[in-house]
Amino acid sequence: MIRACVIGWPIEHSRSPLIHTYWLRLYEIDGSYEKIAVRPVDLPKFLGSLHARGFAGANVTLPHKEEALRAAEFADEAANAIGAANALWLDRDGRLCASNSDAFGFITNLITEAPDWKRGGRPVTVLGGGGAARAILYGLLGEGLTEIRLANRTRDRAEQLAQEFGSRVDVVDWELRHVALAGCGLIVNATSLGMTGRPALDLDLTELPVDAVVADLVYHPLETQLLAAARARGSRAVDGLGMLLYQAVPGFECWFGIRPEVTPELRAELVASLHGP
């Protein structure tokens, strides 16, 4: 049996076991995927014992992503650029290897839901300055975008990201986020604003072209106020659930040897789980 897991602290909220268990059943693979709560102080010991515990690898969620990258003996370009790892595996020599599929998940979902999102080469506005924003910037720049407007509640964090990712990223004051939408073809909310239990995202879409795409990384609730406002004005809205689904694909393939497909049936199971305990 091939075994994999997801680790975090806390970990009860993770939907990864639902996704991977669905694929294990679908492809009739003799394997398992479980969630394990690992305290930050115990992370190095746990990662060093992956082989002894019988795991081929693991997904990593908060707050372990940055530390997991530092612990890895090899990291791919995405993990290094984003500065965090969300997937680990052991190579043939037993080395701990790290990757980050968040950018892949976001871009793949964006292309699936809005195939012409790059039409006209218009600017993009990204809101946020944390790990999610780093992944989005990496993914968008990899798609060849020439202008990304970045706004974060703490300007210093946005400035740091702009320095790291280069001249194609322009920092915008948080107070000017509304007018920064003028002429954009895409807006991405990479903050936690709008998430269940968090304040709503205050964003006036008046300046945003109606044919632009509005993407929100939040998936709980699935229909955020931002996405509802986008649909109400006739703009295309892309929720965060697709990114969660597609980011799981590379890890599953790495551990279990089959590249899985994201299907409407899998999405429906995940949506149902959001309304459960």
C-alpha atoms as a PDB file:
ATOM      1  CA  MET A   1       0.000   0.000   0.000  1.00  0.00           C
ATOM      2  CA  ILE A   2       1.227   3.493  -0.910  1.00  0.00           C
ATOM      3  CA  ARG A   3       0.617   6.000   1.864  1.00  0.00           C
ATOM      4  CA  ALA A   4       0.561   9.797   1.857  1.00  0.00           C
ATOM      5  CA  CYS A   5      -0.771  12.429   4.229  1.00  0.00           C
ATOM      6  CA  VAL A   6      -1.363  16.112   4.854  1.00  0.00           C
ATOM      7  CA  ILE A   7       0.227  17.800   7.861  1.00  0.00           C
ATOM      8  CA  GLY A   8      -0.610  21.059   9.591  1.00  0.00           C
ATOM      9  CA  TRP A   9      -1.467  22.637  12.943  1.00  0.00           C
ATOM     10  CA  PRO A  10      -4.411  22.545  13.203  1.00  0.00           C
ATOM     11  CA  ILE A  11      -5.408  20.103  10.473  1.00  0.00           C
ATOM     12  CA  GLU A  12      -9.082  19.279  11.080  1.00  0.00           C
ATOM     13  CA  HIS A  13     -10.228  21.776   8.427  1.00  0.00           C
ATOM     14  CA  SER A  14      -8.241  20.192   5.580  1.00  0.00           C
ATOM     15  CA  ARG A  15     -10.228  18.952   2.570  1.00  0.00           C
ATOM     16  CA  SER A  16      -7.201  17.218   1.049  1.00  0.00           C
ATOM     17  CA  PRO A  17      -8.144  13.735   2.348  1.00  0.00           C
ATOM     18  CA  LEU A  18     -11.514  13.994   0.599  1.00  0.00           C
ATOM     19  CA  ILE A  19      -9.847  14.864  -2.709  1.00  0.00           C
ATOM     20  CA  HIS A  20      -7.138  12.202  -2.613  1.00  0.00           C
ATOM     21  CA  THR A  21      -9.383   9.467  -1.222  1.00  0.00           C
ATOM     22  CA  TYR A  22     -11.826  10.152  -4.060  1.00  0.00           C
ATOM     23  CA  TRP A  23      -9.056   9.612  -6.597  1.00  0.00           C
ATOM     24  CA  LEU A  24      -7.766   6.500  -4.836  1.00  0.00           C
ATOM     25  CA  ARG A  25     -11.249   4.973  -5.137  1.00  0.00           C
ATOM     26  CA  LEU A  26     -11.746   6.190  -8.702  1.00  0.00           C
ATOM     27  CA  TYR A  27      -8.504   4.699  -9.991  1.00  0.00           C
ATOM     28  CA  GLU A  28      -8.693   1.608  -7.738  1.00  0.00           C
ATOM     29  CA  ILE A  29      -5.288   2.265  -6.190  1.00  0.00           C
ATOM     30  CA  ASP A  30      -4.134   0.361  -3.136  1.00  0.00           C
ATOM     31  CA  GLY A  31      -3.243   3.423  -1.124  1.00  0.00           C
ATOM     32  CA  SER A  32      -4.251   5.702   1.700  1.00  0.00           C
ATOM     33  CA  TYR A  33      -4.210   9.406   2.476  1.00  0.00           C
ATOM     34  CA  GLU A  34      -4.682  10.764   5.978  1.00  0.00           C
ATOM     35  CA  LYS A  35      -4.414  14.015   7.903  1.00  0.00           C
ATOM     36  CA  ILE A  36      -1.969  14.329  10.765  1.00  0.00           C
ATOM     37  CA  ALA A  37      -1.744  17.178  13.244  1.00  0.00           C
ATOM     38  CA  VAL A  38       1.925  18.095  13.699  1.00  0.00           C
ATOM     39  CA  ARG A  39       2.947  20.786  16.156  1.00  0.00           C
ATOM     40  CA  PRO A  40       5.528  23.251  14.814  1.00  0.00           C
ATOM     41  CA  VAL A  41       8.077  22.115  17.383  1.00  0.00           C
ATOM     42  CA  ASP A  42       7.678  18.515  16.166  1.00  0.00           C
ATOM     43  CA  LEU A  43       7.926  19.240  12.428  1.00  0.00           C
ATOM     44  CA  PRO A  44      11.667  18.481  11.904  1.00  0.00           C
ATOM     45  CA  LYS A  45      11.349  15.135  13.679  1.00  0.00           C
ATOM     46  CA  PHE A  46       8.221  14.229  11.716  1.00  0.00           C
ATOM     47  CA  LEU A  47       9.753  15.089   8.352  1.00  0.00           C
ATOM     48  CA  GLY A  48      12.836  13.068   9.230  1.00  0.00           C
ATOM     49  CA  SER A  49      10.643  10.049   9.948  1.00  0.00           C
ATOM     50  CA  LEU A  50       8.498  10.031   6.780  1.00  0.00           C
ATOM     51  CA  HIS A  51      10.166   6.885   5.431  1.00  0.00           C
ATOM     52  CA  ALA A  52      10.066   5.107   8.779  1.00  0.00           C
ATOM     53  CA  ARG A  53       6.355   5.916   9.057  1.00  0.00           C
ATOM     54  CA  GLY A  54       5.775   4.396   5.625  1.00  0.00           C
ATOM     55  CA  PHE A  55       4.851   7.562   3.763  1.00  0.00           C
ATOM     56  CA  ALA A  56       5.795   8.238   0.143  1.00  0.00           C
ATOM     57  CA  GLY A  57       5.240  11.933   0.764  1.00  0.00           C
ATOM     58  CA  ALA A  58       3.004  14.570   2.250  1.00  0.00           C
ATOM     59  CA  ASN A  59       1.049  17.708   1.571  1.00  0.00           C
ATOM     60  CA  VAL A  60       1.894  20.638   3.807  1.00  0.00           C
ATOM     61  CA  THR A  61      -0.482  23.319   5.035  1.00  0.00           C
ATOM     62  CA  LEU A  62      -0.244  26.162   7.536  1.00  0.00           C
ATOM     63  CA  PRO A  63       1.855  26.908   9.458  1.00  0.00           C
ATOM     64  CA  HIS A  64       4.487  24.511   8.092  1.00  0.00           C
ATOM     65  CA  LYS A  65       4.965  25.545   4.460  1.00  0.00           C
ATOM     66  CA  GLU A  66       8.053  27.735   4.877  1.00  0.00           C
ATOM     67  CA  GLU A  67       9.757  25.428   7.375  1.00  0.00           C
ATOM     68  CA  ALA A  68       9.106  22.426   5.116  1.00  0.00           C
ATOM     69  CA  LEU A  69      10.930  24.198   2.303  1.00  0.00           C
ATOM     70  CA  ARG A  70      13.910  24.894   4.557  1.00  0.00           C
ATOM     71  CA  ALA A  71      13.995  21.250   5.628  1.00  0.00           C
ATOM     72  CA  ALA A  72      14.047  19.887   2.072  1.00  0.00           C
ATOM     73  CA  GLU A  73      17.287  18.739   0.456  1.00  0.00           C
ATOM     74  CA  PHE A  74      15.902  19.575  -2.990  1.00  0.00           C
ATOM     75  CA  ALA A  75      13.251  22.120  -4.007  1.00  0.00           C
ATOM     76  CA  ASP A  76      11.885  22.882  -7.454  1.00  0.00           C
ATOM     77  CA  GLU A  77      11.731  26.327  -9.051  1.00  0.00           C
ATOM     78  CA  ALA A  78       8.168  27.024  -7.935  1.00  0.00           C
ATOM     79  CA  ALA A  79       8.837  26.244  -4.271  1.00  0.00           C
ATOM     80  CA  ASN A  80      11.966  28.387  -4.248  1.00  0.00           C
ATOM     81  CA  ALA A  81      10.286  31.319  -5.986  1.00  0.00           C
ATOM     82  CA  ILE A  82       7.184  31.190  -3.795  1.00  0.00           C
ATOM     83  CA  GLY A  83       9.250  30.616  -0.676  1.00  0.00           C
ATOM     84  CA  ALA A  84       7.124  27.766   0.612  1.00  0.00           C
ATOM     85  CA  ALA A  85       6.383  24.091  -0.032  1.00  0.00           C
ATOM     86  CA  ASN A  86       2.968  22.445  -0.127  1.00  0.00           C
ATOM     87  CA  ALA A  87       4.074  18.996  -1.327  1.00  0.00           C
ATOM     88  CA  LEU A  88       6.937  16.728  -0.230  1.00  0.00           C
ATOM     89  CA  TRP A  89       8.238  13.406  -1.476  1.00  0.00           C
ATOM     90  CA  LEU A  90      11.212  11.110  -0.989  1.00  0.00           C
ATOM     91  CA  ASP A  91      13.359  10.398  -4.041  1.00  0.00           C
ATOM     92  CA  ARG A  92      15.150   7.132  -4.773  1.00  0.00           C
ATOM     93  CA  ASP A  93      18.060   8.174  -2.600  1.00  0.00           C
ATOM     94  CA  GLY A  94      15.771   8.987   0.302  1.00  0.00           C
ATOM     95  CA  ARG A  95      16.219  12.756  -0.023  1.00  0.00           C
ATOM     96  CA  LEU A  96      13.362  14.965   1.095  1.00  0.00           C
ATOM     97  CA  CYS A  97      12.162  16.922  -1.961  1.00  0.00           C
ATOM     98  CA  ALA A  98       9.771  19.867  -2.060  1.00  0.00           C
ATOM     99  CA  SER A  99       7.447  21.518  -4.544  1.00  0.00           C
ATOM    100  CA  ASN A 100       4.700  24.121  -4.581  1.00  0.00           C
ATOM    101  CA  SER A 101       1.669  23.574  -6.807  1.00  0.00           C
ATOM    102  CA  ASP A 102      -0.402  26.577  -5.691  1.00  0.00           C
ATOM    103  CA  ALA A 103       0.481  28.653  -8.766  1.00  0.00           C
ATOM    104  CA  PHE A 104      -0.201  25.664 -11.012  1.00  0.00           C
ATOM    105  CA  GLY A 105      -3.554  25.141  -9.333  1.00  0.00           C
ATOM    106  CA  PHE A 106      -4.574  28.770  -9.700  1.00  0.00           C
ATOM    107  CA  ILE A 107      -3.535  29.152 -13.342  1.00  0.00           C
ATOM    108  CA  THR A 108      -5.010  25.798 -14.397  1.00  0.00           C
ATOM    109  CA  ASN A 109      -8.335  26.660 -12.809  1.00  0.00           C
ATOM    110  CA  LEU A 110      -8.285  30.149 -14.310  1.00  0.00           C
ATOM    111  CA  ILE A 111      -7.660  28.781 -17.795  1.00  0.00           C
ATOM    112  CA  THR A 112     -10.421  26.194 -17.302  1.00  0.00           C
ATOM    113  CA  GLU A 113     -13.026  28.674 -16.072  1.00  0.00           C
ATOM    114  CA  ALA A 114     -12.039  31.683 -18.217  1.00  0.00           C
ATOM    115  CA  PRO A 115      -9.974  30.519 -21.218  1.00  0.00           C
ATOM    116  CA  ASP A 116      -9.623  34.023 -22.666  1.00  0.00           C
ATOM    117  CA  TRP A 117      -8.611  35.727 -19.414  1.00  0.00           C
ATOM    118  CA  LYS A 118      -5.446  37.146 -21.008  1.00  0.00           C
ATOM    119  CA  ARG A 119      -7.293  38.679 -23.958  1.00  0.00           C
ATOM    120  CA  GLY A 120      -5.852  42.061 -24.837  1.00  0.00           C
ATOM    121  CA  GLY A 121      -2.881  41.773 -22.502  1.00  0.00           C
ATOM    122  CA  ARG A 122      -4.525  44.051 -19.967  1.00  0.00           C
ATOM    123  CA  PRO A 123      -3.097  44.725 -16.489  1.00  0.00           C
ATOM    124  CA  VAL A 124      -4.027  42.556 -13.501  1.00  0.00           C
ATOM    125  CA  THR A 125      -4.683  43.680  -9.938  1.00  0.00           C
ATOM    126  CA  VAL A 126      -3.738  41.363  -7.078  1.00  0.00           C
ATOM    127  CA  LEU A 127      -4.826  42.038  -3.502  1.00  0.00           C
ATOM    128  CA  GLY A 128      -2.674  40.584  -0.726  1.00  0.00           C
ATOM    129  CA  GLY A 129       0.898  40.295   0.447  1.00  0.00           C
ATOM    130  CA  GLY A 130       1.181  36.862   2.038  1.00  0.00           C
ATOM    131  CA  GLY A 131       2.027  33.383   0.822  1.00  0.00           C
ATOM    132  CA  ALA A 132      -1.041  33.134  -1.403  1.00  0.00           C
ATOM    133  CA  ALA A 133      -0.170  36.393  -3.141  1.00  0.00           C
ATOM    134  CA  ARG A 134       3.387  35.143  -3.733  1.00  0.00           C
ATOM    135  CA  ALA A 135       2.019  32.065  -5.494  1.00  0.00           C
ATOM    136  CA  ILE A 136      -0.369  34.132  -7.605  1.00  0.00           C
ATOM    137  CA  LEU A 137       2.391  36.555  -8.652  1.00  0.00           C
ATOM    138  CA  TYR A 138       4.659  33.655  -9.622  1.00  0.00           C
ATOM    139  CA  GLY A 139       1.906  32.054 -11.683  1.00  0.00           C
ATOM    140  CA  LEU A 140       0.821  35.246 -13.430  1.00  0.00           C
ATOM    141  CA  LEU A 141       4.363  36.323 -14.295  1.00  0.00           C
ATOM    142  CA  GLY A 142       4.972  32.850 -15.689  1.00  0.00           C
ATOM    143  CA  GLU A 143       2.056  33.509 -18.063  1.00  0.00           C
ATOM    144  CA  GLY A 144       3.929  36.497 -19.487  1.00  0.00           C
ATOM    145  CA  LEU A 145       1.944  39.349 -17.971  1.00  0.00           C
ATOM    146  CA  THR A 146       3.650  42.710 -18.307  1.00  0.00           C
ATOM    147  CA  GLU A 147       1.816  44.702 -15.598  1.00  0.00           C
ATOM    148  CA  ILE A 148       0.554  43.531 -12.222  1.00  0.00           C
ATOM    149  CA  ARG A 149      -0.827  46.062  -9.759  1.00  0.00           C
ATOM    150  CA  LEU A 150      -0.293  44.833  -6.203  1.00  0.00           C
ATOM    151  CA  ALA A 151      -2.180  46.264  -3.224  1.00  0.00           C
ATOM    152  CA  ASN A 152      -1.843  45.112   0.373  1.00  0.00           C
ATOM    153  CA  ARG A 153      -3.078  46.516   3.655  1.00  0.00           C
ATOM    154  CA  THR A 154       0.555  46.688   4.784  1.00  0.00           C
ATOM    155  CA  ARG A 155       2.406  48.475   1.983  1.00  0.00           C
ATOM    156  CA  ASP A 156       5.840  47.313   3.170  1.00  0.00           C
ATOM    157  CA  ARG A 157       4.966  43.690   2.427  1.00  0.00           C
ATOM    158  CA  ALA A 158       3.795  44.613  -1.054  1.00  0.00           C
ATOM    159  CA  GLU A 159       7.017  46.561  -1.640  1.00  0.00           C
ATOM    160  CA  GLN A 160       9.052  43.527  -0.607  1.00  0.00           C
ATOM    161  CA  LEU A 161       7.194  41.305  -3.067  1.00  0.00           C
ATOM    162  CA  ALA A 162       7.656  43.847  -5.851  1.00  0.00           C
ATOM    163  CA  GLN A 163      11.406  43.888  -5.213  1.00  0.00           C
ATOM    164  CA  GLU A 164      11.549  40.093  -5.330  1.00  0.00           C
ATOM    165  CA  PHE A 165       9.402  39.620  -8.438  1.00  0.00           C
ATOM    166  CA  GLY A 166      10.688  42.517 -10.502  1.00  0.00           C
ATOM    167  CA  SER A 167       9.630  45.584 -12.407  1.00  0.00           C
ATOM    168  CA  ARG A 168       6.435  44.075 -13.830  1.00  0.00           C
ATOM    169  CA  VAL A 169       4.885  44.351 -10.332  1.00  0.00           C
ATOM    170  CA  ASP A 170       3.731  47.872  -9.360  1.00  0.00           C
ATOM    171  CA  VAL A 171       2.699  48.600  -5.776  1.00  0.00           C
ATOM    172  CA  VAL A 172      -0.559  50.484  -5.233  1.00  0.00           C
ATOM    173  CA  ASP A 173      -1.653  51.998  -1.913  1.00  0.00           C
ATOM    174  CA  TRP A 174      -4.455  50.003  -0.300  1.00  0.00           C
ATOM    175  CA  GLU A 175      -6.604  53.131  -0.252  1.00  0.00           C
ATOM    176  CA  LEU A 176      -6.292  53.322  -4.051  1.00  0.00           C
ATOM    177  CA  ARG A 177      -7.249  49.687  -4.726  1.00  0.00           C
ATOM    178  CA  HIS A 178     -10.616  50.720  -6.177  1.00  0.00           C
ATOM    179  CA  VAL A 179      -9.190  52.997  -8.878  1.00  0.00           C
ATOM    180  CA  ALA A 180      -6.367  50.511  -9.591  1.00  0.00           C
ATOM    181  CA  LEU A 181      -8.989  48.303 -11.257  1.00  0.00           C
ATOM    182  CA  ALA A 182      -9.341  50.688 -14.202  1.00  0.00           C
ATOM    183  CA  GLY A 183      -8.463  48.957 -17.472  1.00  0.00           C
ATOM    184  CA  CYS A 184      -7.716  45.596 -15.814  1.00  0.00           C
ATOM    185  CA  GLY A 185      -8.628  42.264 -17.327  1.00  0.00           C
ATOM    186  CA  LEU A 186      -8.383  40.341 -14.045  1.00  0.00           C
ATOM    187  CA  ILE A 187      -8.653  41.021 -10.318  1.00  0.00           C
ATOM    188  CA  VAL A 188      -7.492  38.413  -7.773  1.00  0.00           C
ATOM    189  CA  ASN A 189      -8.326  38.473  -4.076  1.00  0.00           C
ATOM    190  CA  ALA A 190      -5.416  36.696  -2.380  1.00  0.00           C
ATOM    191  CA  THR A 191      -6.306  37.969   1.098  1.00  0.00           C
ATOM    192  CA  SER A 192      -8.394  36.227   3.766  1.00  0.00           C
ATOM    193  CA  LEU A 193     -10.982  39.022   3.620  1.00  0.00           C
ATOM    194  CA  GLY A 194     -14.384  37.587   2.797  1.00  0.00           C
ATOM    195  CA  MET A 195     -13.619  34.225   4.380  1.00  0.00           C
ATOM    196  CA  THR A 196     -16.106  32.819   6.877  1.00  0.00           C
ATOM    197  CA  GLY A 197     -15.406  34.454  10.219  1.00  0.00           C
ATOM    198  CA  ARG A 198     -13.386  37.270   8.671  1.00  0.00           C
ATOM    199  CA  PRO A 199     -14.404  40.815   7.654  1.00  0.00           C
ATOM    200  CA  ALA A 200     -15.734  41.266   4.123  1.00  0.00           C
ATOM    201  CA  LEU A 201     -13.495  42.627   1.396  1.00  0.00           C
ATOM    202  CA  ASP A 202     -14.395  46.253   0.756  1.00  0.00           C
ATOM    203  CA  LEU A 203     -13.856  46.680  -2.975  1.00  0.00           C
ATOM    204  CA  ASP A 204     -15.750  48.927  -5.363  1.00  0.00           C
ATOM    205  CA  LEU A 205     -15.806  47.326  -8.830  1.00  0.00           C
ATOM    206  CA  THR A 206     -17.069  50.425 -10.641  1.00  0.00           C
ATOM    207  CA  GLU A 207     -13.769  51.085 -12.419  1.00  0.00           C
ATOM    208  CA  LEU A 208     -13.291  47.457 -13.497  1.00  0.00           C
ATOM    209  CA  PRO A 209     -14.267  46.700 -17.120  1.00  0.00           C
ATOM    210  CA  VAL A 210     -17.410  44.571 -17.197  1.00  0.00           C
ATOM    211  CA  ASP A 211     -15.722  41.907 -19.353  1.00  0.00           C
ATOM    212  CA  ALA A 212     -12.944  41.405 -16.784  1.00  0.00           C
ATOM    213  CA  VAL A 213     -12.539  38.247 -14.698  1.00  0.00           C
ATOM    214  CA  VAL A 214     -12.898  38.388 -10.902  1.00  0.00           C
ATOM    215  CA  ALA A 215     -11.118  35.599  -8.996  1.00  0.00           C
ATOM    216  CA  ASP A 216     -11.298  34.968  -5.256  1.00  0.00           C
ATOM    217  CA  LEU A 217      -9.029  32.423  -3.545  1.00  0.00           C
ATOM    218  CA  VAL A 218     -11.513  32.138  -0.681  1.00  0.00           C
ATOM    219  CA  TYR A 219     -13.701  29.023  -0.963  1.00  0.00           C
ATOM    220  CA  HIS A 220     -15.513  29.134   2.373  1.00  0.00           C
ATOM    221  CA  PRO A 221     -18.012  30.572   1.640  1.00  0.00           C
ATOM    222  CA  LEU A 222     -17.945  29.472  -1.963  1.00  0.00           C
ATOM    223  CA  GLU A 223     -19.837  32.564  -3.123  1.00  0.00           C
ATOM    224  CA  THR A 224     -18.106  35.506  -1.471  1.00  0.00           C
ATOM    225  CA  GLN A 225     -19.498  39.019  -1.535  1.00  0.00           C
ATOM    226  CA  LEU A 226     -16.828  39.891  -4.101  1.00  0.00           C
ATOM    227  CA  LEU A 227     -17.917  37.130  -6.478  1.00  0.00           C
ATOM    228  CA  ALA A 228     -21.597  37.949  -5.967  1.00  0.00           C
ATOM    229  CA  ALA A 229     -20.899  41.586  -6.842  1.00  0.00           C
ATOM    230  CA  ALA A 230     -18.969  40.509  -9.933  1.00  0.00           C
ATOM    231  CA  ARG A 231     -21.803  38.290 -11.191  1.00  0.00           C
ATOM    232  CA  ALA A 232     -24.375  41.004 -10.492  1.00  0.00           C
ATOM    233  CA  ARG A 233     -22.580  43.401 -12.860  1.00  0.00           C
ATOM    234  CA  GLY A 234     -22.072  40.748 -15.554  1.00  0.00           C
ATOM    235  CA  SER A 235     -18.398  39.953 -14.916  1.00  0.00           C
ATOM    236  CA  ARG A 236     -17.098  36.396 -14.882  1.00  0.00           C
ATOM    237  CA  ALA A 237     -16.417  35.080 -11.380  1.00  0.00           C
ATOM    238  CA  VAL A 238     -13.924  32.331 -10.489  1.00  0.00           C
ATOM    239  CA  ASP A 239     -14.119  30.868  -6.989  1.00  0.00           C
ATOM    240  CA  GLY A 240     -11.261  29.394  -4.963  1.00  0.00           C
ATOM    241  CA  LEU A 241     -12.401  25.786  -4.958  1.00  0.00           C
ATOM    242  CA  GLY A 242     -10.944  25.012  -8.380  1.00  0.00           C
ATOM    243  CA  MET A 243      -7.486  26.109  -7.267  1.00  0.00           C
ATOM    244  CA  LEU A 244      -7.741  23.746  -4.275  1.00  0.00           C
ATOM    245  CA  LEU A 245      -8.669  20.868  -6.576  1.00  0.00           C
ATOM    246  CA  TYR A 246      -6.043  21.451  -9.257  1.00  0.00           C
ATOM    247  CA  GLN A 247      -3.172  22.075  -6.828  1.00  0.00           C
ATOM    248  CA  ALA A 248      -3.701  18.507  -5.572  1.00  0.00           C
ATOM    249  CA  VAL A 249      -3.054  16.942  -8.988  1.00  0.00           C
ATOM    250  CA  PRO A 250       0.803  16.996  -9.092  1.00  0.00           C
ATOM    251  CA  GLY A 251       1.195  15.544  -5.604  1.00  0.00           C
ATOM    252  CA  PHE A 252      -1.172  12.663  -6.282  1.00  0.00           C
ATOM    253  CA  GLU A 253       0.657  11.853  -9.500  1.00  0.00           C
ATOM    254  CA  CYS A 254       4.008  11.961  -7.720  1.00  0.00           C
ATOM    255  CA  TRP A 255       2.982   9.595  -4.925  1.00  0.00           C
ATOM    256  CA  PHE A 256       0.536   7.242  -6.619  1.00  0.00           C
ATOM    257  CA  GLY A 257       1.777   7.213 -10.230  1.00  0.00           C
ATOM    258  CA  ILE A 258      -1.430   8.332 -11.981  1.00  0.00           C
ATOM    259  CA  ARG A 259      -2.263  11.865 -13.071  1.00  0.00           C
ATOM    260  CA  PRO A 260      -5.807  12.348 -11.789  1.00  0.00           C
ATOM    261  CA  GLU A 261      -8.600  14.294 -13.405  1.00  0.00           C
ATOM    262  CA  VAL A 262     -10.603  17.045 -11.743  1.00  0.00           C
ATOM    263  CA  THR A 263     -14.222  16.161 -12.485  1.00  0.00           C
ATOM    264  CA  PRO A 264     -17.608  17.776 -11.773  1.00  0.00           C
ATOM    265  CA  GLU A 265     -18.370  14.810  -9.487  1.00  0.00           C
ATOM    266  CA  LEU A 266     -15.289  15.509  -7.348  1.00  0.00           C
ATOM    267  CA  ARG A 267     -16.128  19.184  -7.169  1.00  0.00           C
ATOM    268  CA  ALA A 268     -19.676  18.303  -6.080  1.00  0.00           C
ATOM    269  CA  GLU A 269     -18.325  16.161  -3.226  1.00  0.00           C
ATOM    270  CA  LEU A 270     -16.101  18.997  -2.100  1.00  0.00           C
ATOM    271  CA  VAL A 271     -18.937  21.517  -2.259  1.00  0.00           C
ATOM    272  CA  ALA A 272     -21.099  19.197  -0.148  1.00  0.00           C
ATOM    273  CA  SER A 273     -18.321  18.963   2.445  1.00  0.00           C
ATOM    274  CA  LEU A 274     -18.288  22.749   2.822  1.00  0.00           C
ATOM    275  CA  HIS A 275     -21.837  22.601   4.120  1.00  0.00           C
ATOM    276  CA  GLY A 276     -21.048  19.794   6.547  1.00  0.00           C
ATOM    277  CA  PRO A 277     -19.331  19.822   9.938  1.00  0.00           C
END
